[in-house]
Protein backbone atom coordinates (compact mmCIF):
# COMPACT_ATOMS: atom_id res chain seq x y z
CA MET A 1 2.83 0.30 33.27
CA ASN A 2 -0.11 2.71 33.54
CA ILE A 3 -0.93 6.14 32.09
CA GLU A 4 0.81 7.92 34.95
CA ASP A 5 4.02 5.91 34.36
CA ILE A 6 3.99 6.79 30.65
CA ILE A 7 3.67 10.51 31.42
CA LYS A 8 6.24 10.34 34.23
CA ASN A 9 8.82 8.79 31.88
CA ILE A 10 8.65 11.76 29.51
CA LYS A 11 11.58 13.96 30.54
CA ILE A 12 10.70 17.13 28.64
CA LYS A 13 7.08 18.10 29.21
CA LYS A 14 4.66 20.45 30.95
CA ILE A 15 1.61 19.17 32.78
CA TYR A 16 -1.53 21.20 33.43
CA GLY A 17 -3.89 19.38 35.81
CA ILE A 18 -3.80 15.89 37.33
CA VAL A 19 -3.01 12.87 35.16
CA PRO A 20 -6.05 10.53 35.11
CA ASN A 21 -5.55 6.85 35.82
CA ASP A 22 -8.49 5.56 33.82
CA ILE A 23 -8.60 6.28 30.08
CA LYS A 24 -11.30 4.53 28.04
CA GLY A 25 -10.13 5.43 24.54
CA ILE A 26 -7.77 7.55 22.48
CA THR A 27 -8.30 9.49 19.24
CA ASN A 28 -7.01 12.42 17.20
CA ASP A 29 -10.51 13.05 15.78
CA SER A 30 -12.58 15.27 18.08
CA ARG A 31 -15.76 13.79 16.56
CA LYS A 32 -14.88 10.41 18.09
CA VAL A 33 -14.13 11.67 21.61
CA GLY A 34 -16.13 10.06 24.42
CA LYS A 35 -16.17 10.16 28.20
CA ASN A 36 -12.73 9.63 29.81
CA PHE A 37 -10.97 9.77 26.44
CA CYS A 38 -7.50 10.97 25.54
CA PHE A 39 -7.49 13.49 22.70
CA VAL A 40 -4.29 13.86 20.67
CA ALA A 41 -3.88 17.36 19.22
CA GLN A 42 -1.90 16.58 16.08
CA VAL A 43 -0.79 19.26 13.64
CA GLY A 44 -1.72 18.01 10.17
CA TYR A 45 -1.30 19.38 6.67
CA THR A 46 -4.70 21.08 6.63
CA VAL A 47 -6.04 20.79 10.20
CA ASP A 48 -4.53 21.72 13.58
CA GLY A 49 -5.82 19.53 16.39
CA HIS A 50 -5.23 22.29 18.93
CA ASP A 51 -8.28 24.05 17.48
CA PHE A 52 -10.46 21.17 18.72
CA ILE A 53 -9.23 20.84 22.30
CA GLU A 54 -12.12 22.71 23.89
CA ASN A 55 -14.64 20.73 21.84
CA SER A 56 -12.98 17.48 22.91
CA ILE A 57 -13.11 18.46 26.56
CA SER A 58 -16.79 19.31 26.27
CA LYS A 59 -17.35 15.76 25.00
CA GLY A 60 -15.60 14.18 28.00
CA ALA A 61 -11.87 14.10 27.22
CA THR A 62 -9.87 13.97 30.48
CA LEU A 63 -6.38 13.84 28.96
CA ILE A 64 -4.99 15.98 26.14
CA ILE A 65 -1.61 15.43 24.46
CA ALA A 66 -0.54 18.69 22.81
CA SER A 67 2.55 20.43 21.45
CA GLU A 68 1.48 24.08 21.85
CA ASP A 69 2.34 25.46 25.26
CA LYS A 70 -0.58 27.63 26.26
CA CYS A 71 -1.88 28.36 29.74
CA TYR A 72 -4.26 25.43 29.89
CA SER A 73 -6.77 25.46 32.75
CA TYR A 74 -9.69 23.16 32.11
CA LYS A 75 -11.59 21.66 35.01
CA ASN A 76 -11.14 17.88 35.43
CA THR A 77 -8.87 17.74 32.38
CA CYS A 78 -5.13 17.13 32.22
CA VAL A 79 -3.12 18.65 29.37
CA VAL A 80 0.37 17.28 28.72
CA VAL A 81 2.53 19.44 26.45
CA VAL A 82 5.46 17.75 24.69
CA LYS A 83 7.60 18.55 21.65
CA GLU A 84 5.70 18.31 18.39
CA LYS A 85 7.68 15.34 17.10
CA GLU A 86 7.02 13.51 20.39
CA VAL A 87 3.21 13.75 20.18
CA ASN A 88 2.84 10.58 18.08
CA LYS A 89 5.31 8.68 20.26
CA VAL A 90 3.45 9.50 23.47
CA ALA A 91 0.08 8.81 21.83
CA SER A 92 1.29 5.43 20.54
CA LYS A 93 2.39 4.39 24.06
CA ILE A 94 -0.99 5.29 25.51
CA SER A 95 -2.75 3.59 22.60
CA PHE A 96 -0.65 0.45 23.04
CA LEU A 97 -1.66 0.32 26.70
CA ILE A 98 -5.36 1.06 26.16
CA ASN A 99 -5.71 -1.41 23.29
CA ASN A 100 -3.91 -4.08 25.34
CA LEU A 101 -1.61 -4.89 22.42
CA SER A 102 0.97 -7.63 22.73
CA TYR A 103 3.44 -9.42 20.52
CA ASP A 104 1.39 -12.56 19.83
CA ILE A 105 0.46 -11.81 16.19
CA ASN A 106 2.73 -12.85 13.31
CA THR A 107 3.15 -9.45 11.65
CA VAL A 108 4.69 -8.78 8.24
CA ALA A 109 5.39 -5.21 7.08
CA VAL A 110 6.12 -4.55 3.40
CA THR A 111 7.83 -1.44 2.08
CA GLY A 112 8.98 -0.36 -1.38
CA THR A 113 7.69 1.74 -4.27
CA ASN A 114 5.85 -1.04 -6.09
CA GLY A 115 4.53 -4.44 -5.07
CA LYS A 116 3.39 -3.71 -1.51
CA THR A 117 -0.30 -4.40 -2.14
CA SER A 118 0.41 -7.50 -4.22
CA ILE A 119 2.68 -9.02 -1.57
CA THR A 120 0.43 -8.33 1.43
CA THR A 121 -2.54 -9.75 -0.48
CA LEU A 122 -0.59 -12.79 -1.69
CA ILE A 123 0.58 -13.56 1.86
CA HIS A 124 -3.01 -13.30 3.06
CA ASN A 125 -4.37 -15.47 0.23
CA ILE A 126 -1.70 -18.16 0.68
CA LEU A 127 -2.44 -18.36 4.41
CA ARG A 128 -6.18 -18.55 3.79
CA GLU A 129 -5.62 -21.33 1.23
CA LEU A 130 -3.62 -23.17 3.90
CA GLY A 131 -6.55 -22.85 6.29
CA GLU A 132 -5.09 -20.16 8.56
CA LYS A 133 -6.82 -17.05 9.86
CA SER A 134 -5.30 -13.93 8.36
CA SER A 135 -5.67 -10.17 7.90
CA TYR A 136 -4.06 -7.47 5.82
CA MET A 137 -4.03 -3.70 5.41
CA GLY A 138 -2.92 -1.34 2.69
CA THR A 139 -3.96 0.65 -0.36
CA ASN A 140 -7.02 -1.55 -0.89
CA GLY A 141 -8.12 -1.18 2.74
CA PHE A 142 -8.35 -3.42 5.81
CA CYS A 143 -9.51 -7.02 5.61
CA MET A 144 -9.93 -9.89 8.08
CA ASN A 145 -10.21 -13.42 6.71
CA ASP A 146 -12.64 -13.41 3.76
CA GLU A 147 -14.24 -10.02 4.33
CA LYS A 148 -14.37 -7.39 1.61
CA PRO A 149 -11.58 -4.85 2.32
CA LYS A 150 -12.72 -1.61 4.00
CA TYR A 151 -10.99 1.49 2.64
CA LEU A 152 -9.15 3.51 5.34
CA GLY A 153 -7.95 6.58 3.42
CA ASN A 154 -4.16 6.07 3.49
CA THR A 155 -1.91 3.18 2.47
CA THR A 156 -0.80 3.10 6.11
CA PRO A 157 -3.28 4.84 8.47
CA ASP A 158 -2.19 6.85 11.49
CA VAL A 159 -0.85 4.94 14.46
CA LEU A 160 -4.06 5.20 16.51
CA ILE A 161 -6.17 3.59 13.75
CA LEU A 162 -3.46 0.98 13.16
CA HIS A 163 -3.48 0.03 16.85
CA GLU A 164 -7.27 -0.09 16.76
CA LYS A 165 -7.20 -2.53 13.85
CA ILE A 166 -4.62 -4.74 15.56
CA ARG A 167 -6.94 -4.89 18.56
CA GLU A 168 -9.76 -6.03 16.23
CA ILE A 169 -7.45 -8.69 14.81
CA LYS A 170 -6.65 -9.97 18.33
CA LYS A 171 -10.32 -9.88 19.31
CA ASN A 172 -11.13 -12.15 16.34
CA ARG A 173 -8.32 -14.54 17.34
CA ILE A 174 -6.43 -13.95 14.10
CA ASN A 175 -2.70 -14.56 14.43
CA ASN A 176 -1.48 -13.30 11.01
CA PHE A 177 -1.30 -9.68 9.86
CA ALA A 178 0.42 -8.30 6.74
CA PHE A 179 0.43 -4.56 6.14
CA GLU A 180 1.94 -1.99 3.81
CA ALA A 181 4.44 0.39 5.41
CA SER A 182 4.56 3.48 3.20
CA SER A 183 7.51 5.86 3.30
CA HIS A 184 5.22 8.62 4.57
CA ALA A 185 4.13 6.35 7.43
CA LEU A 186 7.73 5.57 8.38
CA VAL A 187 8.69 9.27 8.48
CA LEU A 188 5.52 10.45 10.22
CA GLY A 189 5.53 7.80 12.94
CA ARG A 190 2.42 5.91 11.89
CA ILE A 191 3.88 2.53 12.89
CA TYR A 192 5.16 3.43 16.37
CA ASN A 193 4.74 0.51 18.80
CA VAL A 194 3.51 -1.84 16.10
CA PRO A 195 5.02 -5.30 16.60
CA ILE A 196 6.79 -6.47 13.41
CA ASP A 197 8.28 -9.94 12.95
CA ILE A 198 9.18 -9.81 9.25
CA ALA A 199 10.06 -6.73 7.20
CA ILE A 200 10.08 -6.97 3.39
CA PHE A 201 11.73 -4.63 0.87
CA THR A 202 10.49 -4.79 -2.74
CA ASN A 203 12.16 -2.02 -4.75
CA LEU A 204 12.78 1.71 -4.92
CA THR A 205 11.96 3.79 -8.01
CA HIS A 206 11.01 7.38 -8.87
CA GLU A 207 8.03 8.37 -6.68
CA HIS A 208 7.05 10.80 -3.89
CA LEU A 209 9.96 13.17 -4.53
CA ASP A 210 7.61 16.04 -3.71
CA PHE A 211 7.80 14.69 -0.15
CA HIS A 212 11.30 13.13 0.07
CA LYS A 213 13.05 15.61 -2.32
CA THR A 214 15.80 13.17 -3.37
CA MET A 215 16.10 9.45 -4.04
CA GLU A 216 18.73 9.17 -1.31
CA ASN A 217 16.30 10.66 1.23
CA TYR A 218 13.61 8.32 -0.08
CA ALA A 219 15.90 5.30 0.37
CA HIS A 220 16.87 6.37 3.88
CA ASP A 221 13.23 6.80 4.85
CA LYS A 222 12.36 3.34 3.51
CA SER A 223 15.25 1.82 5.46
CA LEU A 224 13.65 3.02 8.71
CA LEU A 225 11.40 -0.05 8.57
CA PHE A 226 14.38 -2.33 9.12
CA SER A 227 15.66 -0.18 11.97
CA THR A 228 12.33 -0.68 13.75
CA LEU A 229 13.08 -4.40 14.11
CA GLY A 230 15.66 -3.35 16.71
CA ASN A 231 18.89 -5.07 17.71
CA ASN A 232 17.70 -7.58 20.30
CA LEU A 233 18.98 -10.69 18.53
CA LEU A 234 17.14 -12.94 21.00
CA GLU A 235 13.93 -11.95 19.22
CA LYS A 236 12.77 -14.01 16.24
CA LYS A 237 12.75 -11.35 13.51
CA TYR A 238 13.76 -11.34 9.83
CA GLY A 239 14.41 -8.97 6.94
CA VAL A 240 13.41 -10.15 3.44
CA LEU A 241 15.26 -8.13 0.79
CA ASN A 242 15.14 -7.92 -3.00
CA LEU A 243 18.73 -8.50 -4.11
CA ASP A 244 17.93 -7.17 -7.60
CA ASP A 245 17.25 -3.61 -6.46
CA LYS A 246 20.14 -1.15 -6.40
CA TYR A 247 19.04 0.10 -2.96
CA TYR A 248 19.31 -3.38 -1.46
CA GLY A 249 22.57 -2.42 0.33
CA LYS A 250 20.93 0.57 2.03
CA MET A 251 18.22 -1.65 3.49
CA SER A 252 20.71 -4.36 4.46
CA LYS A 253 22.82 -1.91 6.49
CA SER A 254 19.77 -0.95 8.56
CA LEU A 255 18.94 -4.56 9.38
CA TYR A 256 20.44 -6.22 12.47
CA HIS A 257 18.43 -9.44 12.31
CA GLU A 258 18.83 -12.34 9.88
CA GLU A 259 18.55 -11.43 6.22
CA ILE A 260 16.78 -13.57 3.59
CA THR A 261 17.34 -12.49 -0.03
CA TYR A 262 15.37 -13.18 -3.21
CA SER A 263 16.22 -12.57 -6.86
CA ILE A 264 15.39 -13.31 -10.48
CA LYS A 265 18.92 -12.29 -11.57
CA ASP A 266 21.42 -13.45 -8.95
CA LYS A 267 21.62 -17.20 -8.40
CA ASN A 268 23.47 -16.57 -5.11
CA ALA A 269 20.28 -15.25 -3.53
CA ASP A 270 18.68 -17.45 -0.87
CA PHE A 271 15.60 -17.76 -3.11
CA PHE A 272 16.30 -17.59 -6.85
CA ALA A 273 13.70 -17.90 -9.62
CA TYR A 274 14.83 -19.03 -13.08
CA ASN A 275 13.44 -20.47 -16.35
CA ILE A 276 10.56 -17.98 -16.11
CA LYS A 277 8.00 -18.53 -18.89
CA MET A 278 4.48 -17.25 -19.52
CA VAL A 279 1.97 -19.85 -20.77
CA SER A 280 -1.66 -19.73 -21.86
CA GLU A 281 -4.12 -22.47 -20.91
CA ASN A 282 -7.88 -22.37 -21.59
CA ASN A 283 -7.78 -18.61 -22.22
CA LYS A 284 -5.99 -18.04 -18.89
CA PHE A 285 -2.43 -16.85 -18.49
CA TYR A 286 0.08 -18.42 -16.10
CA THR A 287 3.76 -18.06 -15.31
CA ASN A 288 5.91 -21.13 -14.84
CA PHE A 289 9.27 -20.91 -13.10
CA GLU A 290 11.77 -22.93 -11.15
CA LEU A 291 12.69 -21.86 -7.65
CA LYS A 292 15.99 -22.51 -5.89
CA THR A 293 15.55 -22.42 -2.10
CA PRO A 294 17.54 -23.42 1.02
CA GLU A 295 15.41 -26.60 1.00
CA GLY A 296 15.98 -27.60 -2.63
CA ASP A 297 14.53 -26.69 -6.03
CA PHE A 298 10.82 -26.52 -6.83
CA VAL A 299 8.78 -26.27 -10.04
CA CYS A 300 6.21 -23.48 -9.66
CA LYS A 301 3.14 -22.35 -11.53
CA MET A 302 1.17 -19.20 -10.69
CA PRO A 303 -1.92 -17.55 -12.27
CA PHE A 304 -0.14 -14.19 -12.63
CA ILE A 305 2.17 -12.80 -15.29
CA GLY A 306 5.33 -10.73 -15.33
CA ASP A 307 8.83 -11.12 -13.90
CA PHE A 308 7.95 -8.58 -11.20
CA MET A 309 5.09 -10.82 -10.08
CA VAL A 310 7.57 -13.67 -9.74
CA SER A 311 9.59 -11.41 -7.41
CA ASN A 312 6.45 -10.52 -5.46
CA MET A 313 5.53 -14.20 -5.21
CA MET A 314 8.98 -15.12 -3.88
CA ALA A 315 8.76 -12.48 -1.14
CA SER A 316 5.32 -13.81 -0.19
CA ILE A 317 6.47 -17.44 -0.15
CA ILE A 318 9.42 -16.51 2.09
CA ALA A 319 7.18 -14.65 4.56
CA VAL A 320 4.89 -17.67 4.93
CA TRP A 321 7.86 -20.09 5.09
CA LEU A 322 9.39 -18.06 7.94
CA LYS A 323 6.30 -18.93 9.97
CA GLY A 324 7.52 -22.53 9.89
CA ILE A 325 5.17 -23.78 7.17
CA ASP A 326 6.53 -26.48 4.83
CA LEU A 327 7.63 -25.14 1.43
CA ASN A 328 5.97 -28.03 -0.41
CA LYS A 329 2.60 -27.00 1.01
CA ILE A 330 3.16 -23.33 0.15
CA ILE A 331 4.21 -24.06 -3.46
CA LYS A 332 1.08 -26.17 -4.01
CA THR A 333 -1.19 -23.27 -3.04
CA ILE A 334 0.17 -20.67 -5.46
CA GLU A 335 -1.30 -22.30 -8.57
CA VAL A 336 -4.85 -21.95 -7.25
CA LEU A 337 -4.66 -18.44 -5.77
CA PRO A 338 -7.44 -15.99 -6.73
CA PRO A 339 -6.66 -13.00 -9.01
CA LEU A 340 -5.27 -9.83 -7.49
CA LEU A 341 -8.00 -7.33 -8.24
CA GLY A 342 -6.61 -4.31 -10.07
CA ARG A 343 -3.06 -5.68 -10.06
CA MET A 344 -2.20 -6.99 -13.53
CA GLU A 345 -5.79 -8.22 -13.67
CA ILE A 346 -6.67 -9.65 -17.09
CA ILE A 347 -10.38 -9.47 -17.84
CA SER A 348 -11.57 -11.44 -20.88
CA GLY A 349 -14.74 -13.48 -21.07
CA GLU A 350 -17.40 -12.94 -23.72
CA LEU A 351 -15.93 -9.71 -25.07
CA PRO A 352 -13.92 -9.57 -28.33
CA ILE A 353 -11.29 -7.43 -26.54
CA ASP A 354 -9.00 -8.04 -23.57
CA ILE A 355 -9.07 -5.56 -20.69
CA ILE A 356 -6.12 -5.28 -18.32
CA SER A 357 -6.52 -3.35 -15.05
CA ASP A 358 -3.45 -2.29 -13.10
CA PHE A 359 -2.40 0.12 -10.37
CA ALA A 360 0.82 1.20 -12.14
CA HIS A 361 1.45 4.83 -11.17
CA THR A 362 5.23 5.20 -11.34
CA PRO A 363 7.60 5.14 -14.34
CA ASP A 364 8.97 1.77 -13.22
CA GLY A 365 5.45 0.44 -12.69
CA TYR A 366 4.45 1.34 -16.26
CA LYS A 367 7.64 -0.14 -17.64
CA LYS A 368 6.98 -3.46 -15.90
CA LEU A 369 3.30 -3.41 -16.88
CA LEU A 370 4.13 -3.03 -20.58
CA GLU A 371 6.90 -5.64 -20.42
CA ALA A 372 4.66 -8.16 -18.70
CA THR A 373 1.83 -7.76 -21.25
CA ARG A 374 4.02 -7.67 -24.38
CA GLU A 375 3.34 -11.31 -25.28
CA ILE A 376 -0.42 -10.84 -24.81
CA ARG A 377 -0.35 -7.69 -26.97
CA LYS A 378 1.80 -9.21 -29.72
CA ASN A 379 0.35 -8.38 -33.18
CA ARG A 380 -2.58 -6.62 -31.51
CA ARG A 381 -3.44 -2.95 -31.11
CA THR A 382 -2.84 -1.56 -27.63
CA LEU A 383 -5.04 1.23 -26.22
CA LEU A 384 -3.84 2.61 -22.88
CA LEU A 385 -5.57 4.91 -20.43
CA THR A 386 -3.75 6.60 -17.58
CA GLY A 387 -4.03 9.63 -15.33
CA MET A 388 -2.12 11.81 -12.89
CA GLY A 389 -3.44 12.38 -9.40
CA GLY A 390 -3.76 15.69 -7.58
CA GLY A 391 -1.24 16.36 -4.82
CA ARG A 392 1.28 13.99 -6.37
CA ASP A 393 4.85 14.25 -7.69
CA LEU A 394 4.38 15.84 -11.14
CA SER A 395 8.05 15.37 -12.07
CA LYS A 396 7.28 11.73 -12.91
CA GLY A 397 4.68 12.77 -15.53
CA PRO A 398 7.00 13.21 -18.55
CA LEU A 399 8.80 9.95 -17.67
CA ILE A 400 5.46 8.14 -17.69
CA GLY A 401 4.48 9.76 -21.00
CA ASN A 402 7.71 8.59 -22.56
CA ILE A 403 7.20 4.98 -21.45
CA ILE A 404 3.51 4.65 -22.37
CA SER A 405 4.25 5.90 -25.88
CA GLU A 406 4.78 2.20 -26.59
CA ALA A 407 0.98 1.91 -26.77
CA ASP A 408 -0.65 2.49 -30.17
CA TYR A 409 -3.11 4.99 -28.74
CA VAL A 410 -3.24 6.73 -25.35
CA ILE A 411 -6.02 8.43 -23.44
CA ILE A 412 -4.59 10.85 -20.87
CA THR A 413 -6.94 11.62 -18.00
CA THR A 414 -6.75 12.33 -14.25
CA ASP A 415 -6.69 10.19 -11.12
CA SER A 416 -8.56 11.92 -8.27
CA PRO A 417 -7.49 15.46 -9.28
CA ARG A 418 -8.66 16.95 -6.00
CA ASP A 419 -8.14 20.74 -6.09
CA GLU A 420 -5.43 20.78 -8.76
CA ASP A 421 -5.84 22.15 -12.29
CA VAL A 422 -6.76 19.12 -14.40
CA ASN A 423 -4.93 20.54 -17.41
CA VAL A 424 -1.69 20.83 -15.44
CA LEU A 425 -2.06 17.20 -14.36
CA MET A 426 -2.71 15.92 -17.89
CA ASN A 427 -0.04 18.14 -19.44
CA SER A 428 2.62 16.64 -17.15
CA ILE A 429 2.15 13.29 -18.92
CA GLU A 430 1.65 14.84 -22.34
CA LYS A 431 5.11 16.46 -22.17
CA GLY A 432 6.75 13.03 -22.40
CA MET A 433 4.68 11.58 -25.27
CA LYS A 434 6.75 10.48 -28.26
CA HIS A 435 3.88 10.36 -30.77
CA ASN A 436 0.65 12.21 -31.44
CA ASN A 437 -1.69 9.24 -31.16
CA TYR A 438 -3.31 10.42 -27.96
CA GLU A 439 -6.05 12.64 -26.60
CA LYS A 440 -6.88 14.21 -23.26
CA VAL A 441 -10.21 13.62 -21.48
CA TRP A 442 -10.08 15.00 -17.96
CA PHE A 443 -13.07 13.27 -16.29
CA ARG A 444 -12.05 9.66 -15.80
CA THR A 445 -15.44 8.04 -16.44
CA ASP A 446 -15.68 9.86 -19.78
CA ALA A 447 -12.11 8.80 -20.57
CA VAL A 448 -12.92 5.12 -20.01
CA LYS A 449 -16.02 5.43 -22.18
CA ARG A 450 -13.93 7.08 -24.89
CA ILE A 451 -11.32 4.30 -24.96
CA VAL A 452 -14.08 1.72 -25.46
CA GLU A 453 -15.64 3.87 -28.18
CA ILE A 454 -12.44 3.86 -30.28
CA SER A 455 -11.68 0.17 -29.65
CA ARG A 456 -12.00 -2.57 -32.25
CA PRO A 457 -12.37 -6.35 -31.88
CA GLY A 458 -8.99 -7.90 -31.06
CA ASP A 459 -7.67 -4.83 -29.24
CA VAL A 460 -6.08 -4.87 -25.80
CA ILE A 461 -7.24 -2.07 -23.48
CA ILE A 462 -4.94 -1.26 -20.56
CA LEU A 463 -6.50 0.74 -17.71
CA ALA A 464 -3.63 2.00 -15.57
CA SER A 465 -3.03 3.96 -12.33
CA LYS A 466 -6.23 3.14 -10.41
CA GLY A 467 -6.68 -0.62 -10.40
CA ARG A 468 -10.01 -1.47 -8.76
CA GLU A 469 -10.36 1.76 -6.76
CA ASP A 470 -14.04 2.67 -6.85
CA TYR A 471 -13.95 6.43 -6.40
CA GLU A 472 -12.63 9.71 -7.75
CA ILE A 473 -11.90 12.71 -5.50
CA LEU A 474 -12.73 15.99 -7.22
CA ALA A 475 -12.40 19.66 -6.24
CA GLY A 476 -13.39 20.49 -2.68
CA GLY A 477 -12.92 16.88 -1.62
CA LYS A 478 -16.08 15.75 -3.41
CA LYS A 479 -16.01 11.96 -3.76
CA VAL A 480 -17.82 10.33 -6.68
CA TRP A 481 -18.12 6.67 -7.68
CA HIS A 482 -15.90 5.41 -10.45
CA CYS A 483 -14.30 2.04 -11.15
CA ASP A 484 -12.21 1.62 -14.32
CA PRO A 485 -12.94 -2.08 -15.00
CA GLU A 486 -16.64 -1.87 -14.19
CA VAL A 487 -17.23 1.16 -16.43
CA CYS A 488 -15.12 -0.39 -19.18
CA ILE A 489 -16.91 -3.76 -19.12
CA GLN A 490 -20.33 -2.08 -19.03
CA GLU A 491 -19.51 0.13 -22.03
CA ALA A 492 -17.88 -2.72 -23.96
CA ARG A 493 -20.94 -4.93 -23.49
CA LYS A 494 -23.18 -2.14 -24.77
CA LYS A 495 -20.97 -1.60 -27.80
CA TYR A 496 -20.17 -5.16 -28.83
CA ASN A 497 -23.52 -6.72 -28.05
CA LYS A 498 -25.10 -4.02 -30.20
CA GLU A 499 -22.60 -4.73 -32.99
CA ARG A 500 -23.47 -8.40 -32.90
């Protein structure tokens, strides 16, 4: 198939000019257009790509995919007008062709409200420990093998960037790729023509209702991932589903390929974890559990805590096992895996306090965070810092406030407020607080400094909602450096070294 075939196969379209045979690249960013490029005029939330068509042509674009039907007449340039919802589909076909993508990468896509980053990273780390080349993409960015992740802007980037990254993976002869498939990405067509071998569902809890409106819509949109596996049962594809989540059935109905289930509650699941216990060894925390599998029972030990991390670990083990790797080998690796930065990350060391960094940003996420750390916090004072982000679902704020009231003292701040009123963001959490042991400090760096200031030796400080993100986005899109754990450790060293 060539470019002309792709255009010819579109039944409802208008063509202005002659379709070029040779396209060197494709982009929806006019700043990246080069000679013989295809420019995709997407209509975004804040920018309309149609406003940049002339600029793209001046830079050498010879093919434009648009949805606005104007009287286009540009010399040596072909404009193809399709329905707005078809723009991404057409662009993905052209991108697939240009990037020479094929189905020779073992690809795992993970969807769900919580756990996506943990699972994609765990899969990657297990494979690296087993000596395999691997890559992953998600909230933390894009990473190949042992590189430092490069931030891309969205949990799942647009389809053109995603295709570009898959091409990089192929170029580096990497045959494993795990990525996060957000609900926004599934609805907006960001994973069109992305080959997926294994699709994983973690859970579904209150989040993004500003976008999906209802939980039923949210569940339907998540289930789209399993529909993308198709119904060609000759293909080797699998769905890995969390049997403990109440939306499991919704995902299962959308899956035509073989289903593998995991659970910490239902012993009838294909993979069932039981006798889960947290242990402390040499000032490090581990979780021990037994795992029932189709190949027998195993005794497991992992350097992470919390029942939800056991669930995440099971999903990761299954994904690697489905590649054909022996379960004994996989189980041996999980004890020596590196920490998940900013995901239930416990930072101790020379300080007289414990610092816990986590990405919890939903009511369910906070609930699980507090449950998982309860043993660590036993008979100790808990100080918790959290913030609400701009452009997010504010209806979850009071629910979060209610849950985090378990902490002895709370600092309410923001999380990349963008152009929203910081007081509105902080007040959304304040509305749910069940005690008065809290204060509001809008600028996050100041908030972290404040929580260290009021701390005492023996306290546990929980830094929630950002994990290891190293930036804050302020009004007007201004991006400034900030990293919760780094600021906290720096301030704590100043304070406690001085006190000594």
